[in-house]
Amino acid sequence: MHLNPYGEYAVLLAASLANDWPEDRAGIEERTLQLGMTQTFPPAPDDHAKIRAIVDDWLKIVDEPDADARARLLNAELAAAAAYPRLTNHDGEGWHLHYRDDVKSLPYVLRAIINLGTSLHLVTRGMSRLGRCQAVPCTNVVADVTRNGRQRFCSVRCANRAAVRRHRARSV
């Protein structure tokens, strides 16, 4: 059985787009393929701007510290994007579930995948497992996919920088 829950890869894709916004639609599509999507979609002239708006809406969820308010924001996004689950075998790699209509639009698909993946990520790992890097002045998104749930930095570099700052503060 092949399960495609849109979980970890979807939230990591959203974080990647938020942290390093591609210059054009081709860059977005390349990133989606690198991070787990298997389908491509016909381009439309406004795809780049529409996907930027989707990422900006997602960042409101990332930045919401209250779990109840975060859930309300996410539920509104899911209502706009999700549909009933459906079986599909679009790429010949086996039957799996899609939680969206079969619309041939990259922005539409990304809205569904990112928000459903974020929902699954938060309910399975914890509502606090999404936020911003705690290394000042970095503002990158951190999607905590660690086993222990303690990831607070977007990279080893930021973690080391914060550790050096804490060490220097204690030494003074």
C-alpha atoms as a PDB file:
ATOM      1  CA  MET A   1       0.000   0.000   0.000  1.00  0.00           C
ATOM      2  CA  HIS A   2       1.316   3.435  -0.955  1.00  0.00           C
ATOM      3  CA  LEU A   3       0.314   6.265   1.392  1.00  0.00           C
ATOM      4  CA  ASN A   4       0.765   9.870   0.314  1.00  0.00           C
ATOM      5  CA  PRO A   5      -0.245  11.940   3.336  1.00  0.00           C
ATOM      6  CA  TYR A   6       1.246  15.242   2.091  1.00  0.00           C
ATOM      7  CA  GLY A   7       2.871  15.541   5.509  1.00  0.00           C
ATOM      8  CA  GLU A   8       6.542  16.245   5.976  1.00  0.00           C
ATOM      9  CA  TYR A   9       7.502  16.956   2.377  1.00  0.00           C
ATOM     10  CA  ALA A  10       4.686  19.475   1.932  1.00  0.00           C
ATOM     11  CA  VAL A  11       5.565  21.529   4.992  1.00  0.00           C
ATOM     12  CA  LEU A  12       9.267  21.390   4.077  1.00  0.00           C
ATOM     13  CA  LEU A  13       8.388  22.538   0.559  1.00  0.00           C
ATOM     14  CA  ALA A  14       6.416  25.483   1.931  1.00  0.00           C
ATOM     15  CA  ALA A  15       9.281  26.415   4.258  1.00  0.00           C
ATOM     16  CA  SER A  16      11.757  26.162   1.395  1.00  0.00           C
ATOM     17  CA  LEU A  17       9.669  28.473  -0.783  1.00  0.00           C
ATOM     18  CA  ALA A  18       9.212  30.932   2.094  1.00  0.00           C
ATOM     19  CA  ASN A  19      12.903  30.952   3.016  1.00  0.00           C
ATOM     20  CA  ASP A  20      14.298  31.147  -0.511  1.00  0.00           C
ATOM     21  CA  TRP A  21      11.697  32.489  -2.927  1.00  0.00           C
ATOM     22  CA  PRO A  22      12.424  31.439  -6.522  1.00  0.00           C
ATOM     23  CA  GLU A  23      12.818  34.168  -9.127  1.00  0.00           C
ATOM     24  CA  ASP A  24      10.294  32.679 -11.532  1.00  0.00           C
ATOM     25  CA  ARG A  25       7.721  29.950 -12.054  1.00  0.00           C
ATOM     26  CA  ALA A  26      10.346  27.557 -13.436  1.00  0.00           C
ATOM     27  CA  GLY A  27      12.262  27.878 -10.171  1.00  0.00           C
ATOM     28  CA  ILE A  28       9.102  27.070  -8.206  1.00  0.00           C
ATOM     29  CA  GLU A  29       8.403  24.005 -10.319  1.00  0.00           C
ATOM     30  CA  GLU A  30      12.017  22.850  -9.999  1.00  0.00           C
ATOM     31  CA  ARG A  31      11.771  23.172  -6.208  1.00  0.00           C
ATOM     32  CA  THR A  32       8.504  21.222  -6.079  1.00  0.00           C
ATOM     33  CA  LEU A  33      10.111  18.358  -7.990  1.00  0.00           C
ATOM     34  CA  GLN A  34      13.245  18.422  -5.825  1.00  0.00           C
ATOM     35  CA  LEU A  35      11.159  18.240  -2.658  1.00  0.00           C
ATOM     36  CA  GLY A  36       8.775  15.439  -3.499  1.00  0.00           C
ATOM     37  CA  MET A  37       6.090  16.373  -5.998  1.00  0.00           C
ATOM     38  CA  THR A  38       5.926  14.164  -9.064  1.00  0.00           C
ATOM     39  CA  GLN A  39       3.533  16.063 -11.322  1.00  0.00           C
ATOM     40  CA  THR A  40       4.056  19.153 -13.413  1.00  0.00           C
ATOM     41  CA  PHE A  41       1.293  21.496 -14.535  1.00  0.00           C
ATOM     42  CA  PRO A  42       0.811  23.754 -17.543  1.00  0.00           C
ATOM     43  CA  PRO A  43       2.110  27.252 -16.845  1.00  0.00           C
ATOM     44  CA  ALA A  44      -0.154  30.281 -16.557  1.00  0.00           C
ATOM     45  CA  PRO A  45       1.074  33.891 -16.713  1.00  0.00           C
ATOM     46  CA  ASP A  46       0.072  34.667 -13.113  1.00  0.00           C
ATOM     47  CA  ASP A  47       1.379  31.471 -11.457  1.00  0.00           C
ATOM     48  CA  HIS A  48       4.385  33.155  -9.830  1.00  0.00           C
ATOM     49  CA  ALA A  49       2.265  35.873  -8.187  1.00  0.00           C
ATOM     50  CA  LYS A  50      -0.485  33.440  -7.149  1.00  0.00           C
ATOM     51  CA  ILE A  51       1.984  31.077  -5.516  1.00  0.00           C
ATOM     52  CA  ARG A  52       3.636  34.002  -3.703  1.00  0.00           C
ATOM     53  CA  ALA A  53       0.192  34.882  -2.275  1.00  0.00           C
ATOM     54  CA  ILE A  54      -0.267  31.251  -1.160  1.00  0.00           C
ATOM     55  CA  VAL A  55       3.108  31.307   0.615  1.00  0.00           C
ATOM     56  CA  ASP A  56       2.247  34.655   2.218  1.00  0.00           C
ATOM     57  CA  ASP A  57      -1.065  33.222   3.487  1.00  0.00           C
ATOM     58  CA  TRP A  58       0.829  30.215   4.840  1.00  0.00           C
ATOM     59  CA  LEU A  59       3.265  32.512   6.650  1.00  0.00           C
ATOM     60  CA  LYS A  60       0.316  33.941   8.610  1.00  0.00           C
ATOM     61  CA  ILE A  61      -0.221  30.409   9.931  1.00  0.00           C
ATOM     62  CA  VAL A  62       3.485  30.052  10.725  1.00  0.00           C
ATOM     63  CA  ASP A  63       3.507  33.348  12.626  1.00  0.00           C
ATOM     64  CA  GLU A  64       0.350  32.681  14.661  1.00  0.00           C
ATOM     65  CA  PRO A  65       1.477  31.693  18.184  1.00  0.00           C
ATOM     66  CA  ASP A  66      -1.965  30.699  19.497  1.00  0.00           C
ATOM     67  CA  ALA A  67      -2.909  27.112  18.601  1.00  0.00           C
ATOM     68  CA  ASP A  68      -6.639  27.863  18.352  1.00  0.00           C
ATOM     69  CA  ALA A  69      -6.092  30.870  16.094  1.00  0.00           C
ATOM     70  CA  ARG A  70      -3.564  28.881  14.045  1.00  0.00           C
ATOM     71  CA  ALA A  71      -6.165  26.145  13.564  1.00  0.00           C
ATOM     72  CA  ARG A  72      -8.793  28.692  12.458  1.00  0.00           C
ATOM     73  CA  LEU A  73      -6.411  30.146   9.860  1.00  0.00           C
ATOM     74  CA  LEU A  74      -5.492  26.706   8.610  1.00  0.00           C
ATOM     75  CA  ASN A  75      -9.115  25.569   8.472  1.00  0.00           C
ATOM     76  CA  ALA A  76      -9.970  28.588   6.324  1.00  0.00           C
ATOM     77  CA  GLU A  77      -7.147  27.710   3.934  1.00  0.00           C
ATOM     78  CA  LEU A  78      -8.250  24.075   3.827  1.00  0.00           C
ATOM     79  CA  ALA A  79     -11.820  25.113   3.031  1.00  0.00           C
ATOM     80  CA  ALA A  80     -10.536  27.113   0.079  1.00  0.00           C
ATOM     81  CA  ALA A  81      -8.266  24.362  -1.221  1.00  0.00           C
ATOM     82  CA  ALA A  82      -9.228  20.866  -0.210  1.00  0.00           C
ATOM     83  CA  ALA A  83     -11.805  18.534  -1.681  1.00  0.00           C
ATOM     84  CA  TYR A  84     -12.940  15.042  -0.891  1.00  0.00           C
ATOM     85  CA  PRO A  85     -10.151  12.440  -0.989  1.00  0.00           C
ATOM     86  CA  ARG A  86      -9.838  10.581  -4.265  1.00  0.00           C
ATOM     87  CA  LEU A  87      -7.832   7.609  -5.523  1.00  0.00           C
ATOM     88  CA  THR A  88      -5.436   8.346  -8.366  1.00  0.00           C
ATOM     89  CA  ASN A  89      -2.683   6.677 -10.345  1.00  0.00           C
ATOM     90  CA  HIS A  90      -1.636   9.691 -12.412  1.00  0.00           C
ATOM     91  CA  ASP A  91       2.040   8.852 -12.781  1.00  0.00           C
ATOM     92  CA  GLY A  92       1.810   5.081 -13.080  1.00  0.00           C
ATOM     93  CA  GLU A  93       3.729   4.616  -9.825  1.00  0.00           C
ATOM     94  CA  GLY A  94       0.833   3.191  -7.891  1.00  0.00           C
ATOM     95  CA  TRP A  95      -2.516   4.153  -6.480  1.00  0.00           C
ATOM     96  CA  HIS A  96      -2.547   6.854  -3.843  1.00  0.00           C
ATOM     97  CA  LEU A  97      -4.843   9.511  -2.396  1.00  0.00           C
ATOM     98  CA  HIS A  98      -5.215  13.121  -3.461  1.00  0.00           C
ATOM     99  CA  TYR A  99      -7.033  15.518  -1.165  1.00  0.00           C
ATOM    100  CA  ARG A 100      -7.861  18.008  -3.906  1.00  0.00           C
ATOM    101  CA  ASP A 101      -9.800  18.295  -7.120  1.00  0.00           C
ATOM    102  CA  ASP A 102      -8.000  17.334 -10.304  1.00  0.00           C
ATOM    103  CA  VAL A 103      -7.348  20.907 -11.387  1.00  0.00           C
ATOM    104  CA  LYS A 104      -4.354  21.308 -13.708  1.00  0.00           C
ATOM    105  CA  SER A 105      -2.991  24.417 -11.969  1.00  0.00           C
ATOM    106  CA  LEU A 106       0.219  24.598  -9.953  1.00  0.00           C
ATOM    107  CA  PRO A 107      -1.086  27.334  -7.603  1.00  0.00           C
ATOM    108  CA  TYR A 108      -4.284  25.379  -6.896  1.00  0.00           C
ATOM    109  CA  VAL A 109      -2.381  22.169  -6.215  1.00  0.00           C
ATOM    110  CA  LEU A 110       0.216  23.890  -4.023  1.00  0.00           C
ATOM    111  CA  ARG A 111      -2.464  25.566  -1.893  1.00  0.00           C
ATOM    112  CA  ALA A 112      -4.035  22.163  -1.224  1.00  0.00           C
ATOM    113  CA  ILE A 113      -0.785  20.272  -0.674  1.00  0.00           C
ATOM    114  CA  ILE A 114       0.852  22.906   1.531  1.00  0.00           C
ATOM    115  CA  ASN A 115      -2.167  23.424   3.767  1.00  0.00           C
ATOM    116  CA  LEU A 116      -3.137  19.781   4.061  1.00  0.00           C
ATOM    117  CA  GLY A 117       0.497  18.856   4.690  1.00  0.00           C
ATOM    118  CA  THR A 118       0.787  21.566   7.326  1.00  0.00           C
ATOM    119  CA  SER A 119      -2.397  20.324   8.990  1.00  0.00           C
ATOM    120  CA  LEU A 120      -1.126  16.753   9.096  1.00  0.00           C
ATOM    121  CA  HIS A 121       2.274  17.939  10.321  1.00  0.00           C
ATOM    122  CA  LEU A 122       0.770  19.936  13.191  1.00  0.00           C
ATOM    123  CA  VAL A 123      -1.783  17.343  14.329  1.00  0.00           C
ATOM    124  CA  THR A 124       0.677  14.444  14.213  1.00  0.00           C
ATOM    125  CA  ARG A 125       3.760  16.198  15.576  1.00  0.00           C
ATOM    126  CA  GLY A 126       2.280  19.041  17.622  1.00  0.00           C
ATOM    127  CA  MET A 127       0.817  22.483  17.054  1.00  0.00           C
ATOM    128  CA  SER A 128       4.082  24.133  18.097  1.00  0.00           C
ATOM    129  CA  ARG A 129       6.226  22.361  15.492  1.00  0.00           C
ATOM    130  CA  LEU A 130       6.191  25.277  13.055  1.00  0.00           C
ATOM    131  CA  GLY A 131       7.686  28.717  13.609  1.00  0.00           C
ATOM    132  CA  ARG A 132      10.578  31.062  12.907  1.00  0.00           C
ATOM    133  CA  CYS A 133      14.280  30.551  13.484  1.00  0.00           C
ATOM    134  CA  GLN A 134      15.298  31.651  16.978  1.00  0.00           C
ATOM    135  CA  ALA A 135      18.733  32.922  15.901  1.00  0.00           C
ATOM    136  CA  VAL A 136      18.456  36.694  15.792  1.00  0.00           C
ATOM    137  CA  PRO A 137      18.264  38.313  13.211  1.00  0.00           C
ATOM    138  CA  CYS A 138      17.252  35.289  11.086  1.00  0.00           C
ATOM    139  CA  THR A 139      13.544  35.053  10.253  1.00  0.00           C
ATOM    140  CA  ASN A 140      13.540  31.809   8.255  1.00  0.00           C
ATOM    141  CA  VAL A 141      10.727  29.332   8.792  1.00  0.00           C
ATOM    142  CA  VAL A 142      11.489  26.229  10.846  1.00  0.00           C
ATOM    143  CA  ALA A 143       9.331  23.178  10.214  1.00  0.00           C
ATOM    144  CA  ASP A 144      10.364  20.897  13.060  1.00  0.00           C
ATOM    145  CA  VAL A 145      10.495  17.354  11.708  1.00  0.00           C
ATOM    146  CA  THR A 146      12.919  16.072  14.314  1.00  0.00           C
ATOM    147  CA  ARG A 147      12.167  13.047  16.410  1.00  0.00           C
ATOM    148  CA  ASN A 148      12.440  14.879  19.743  1.00  0.00           C
ATOM    149  CA  GLY A 149      10.589  18.032  18.670  1.00  0.00           C
ATOM    150  CA  ARG A 150      13.269  20.483  19.734  1.00  0.00           C
ATOM    151  CA  GLN A 151      14.344  22.057  16.451  1.00  0.00           C
ATOM    152  CA  ARG A 152      14.480  25.820  16.949  1.00  0.00           C
ATOM    153  CA  PHE A 153      16.899  26.911  14.237  1.00  0.00           C
ATOM    154  CA  CYS A 154      16.661  26.789  10.456  1.00  0.00           C
ATOM    155  CA  SER A 155      20.212  25.533  10.017  1.00  0.00           C
ATOM    156  CA  VAL A 156      23.300  24.335  11.829  1.00  0.00           C
ATOM    157  CA  ARG A 157      24.845  27.715  11.042  1.00  0.00           C
ATOM    158  CA  CYS A 158      22.085  29.581  12.889  1.00  0.00           C
ATOM    159  CA  ALA A 159      22.229  27.137  15.813  1.00  0.00           C
ATOM    160  CA  ASN A 160      25.986  27.641  16.106  1.00  0.00           C
ATOM    161  CA  ARG A 161      25.646  31.417  15.847  1.00  0.00           C
ATOM    162  CA  ALA A 162      23.097  31.426  18.681  1.00  0.00           C
ATOM    163  CA  ALA A 163      25.302  29.160  20.807  1.00  0.00           C
ATOM    164  CA  VAL A 164      28.269  31.488  20.340  1.00  0.00           C
ATOM    165  CA  ARG A 165      26.120  34.475  21.329  1.00  0.00           C
ATOM    166  CA  ARG A 166      24.916  32.678  24.479  1.00  0.00           C
ATOM    167  CA  HIS A 167      28.487  31.691  25.353  1.00  0.00           C
ATOM    168  CA  ARG A 168      29.787  35.237  24.883  1.00  0.00           C
ATOM    169  CA  ALA A 169      26.919  36.640  26.949  1.00  0.00           C
ATOM    170  CA  ARG A 170      27.831  34.311  29.856  1.00  0.00           C
ATOM    171  CA  SER A 171      31.539  35.195  29.550  1.00  0.00           C
ATOM    172  CA  VAL A 172      30.996  38.930  29.931  1.00  0.00           C
END
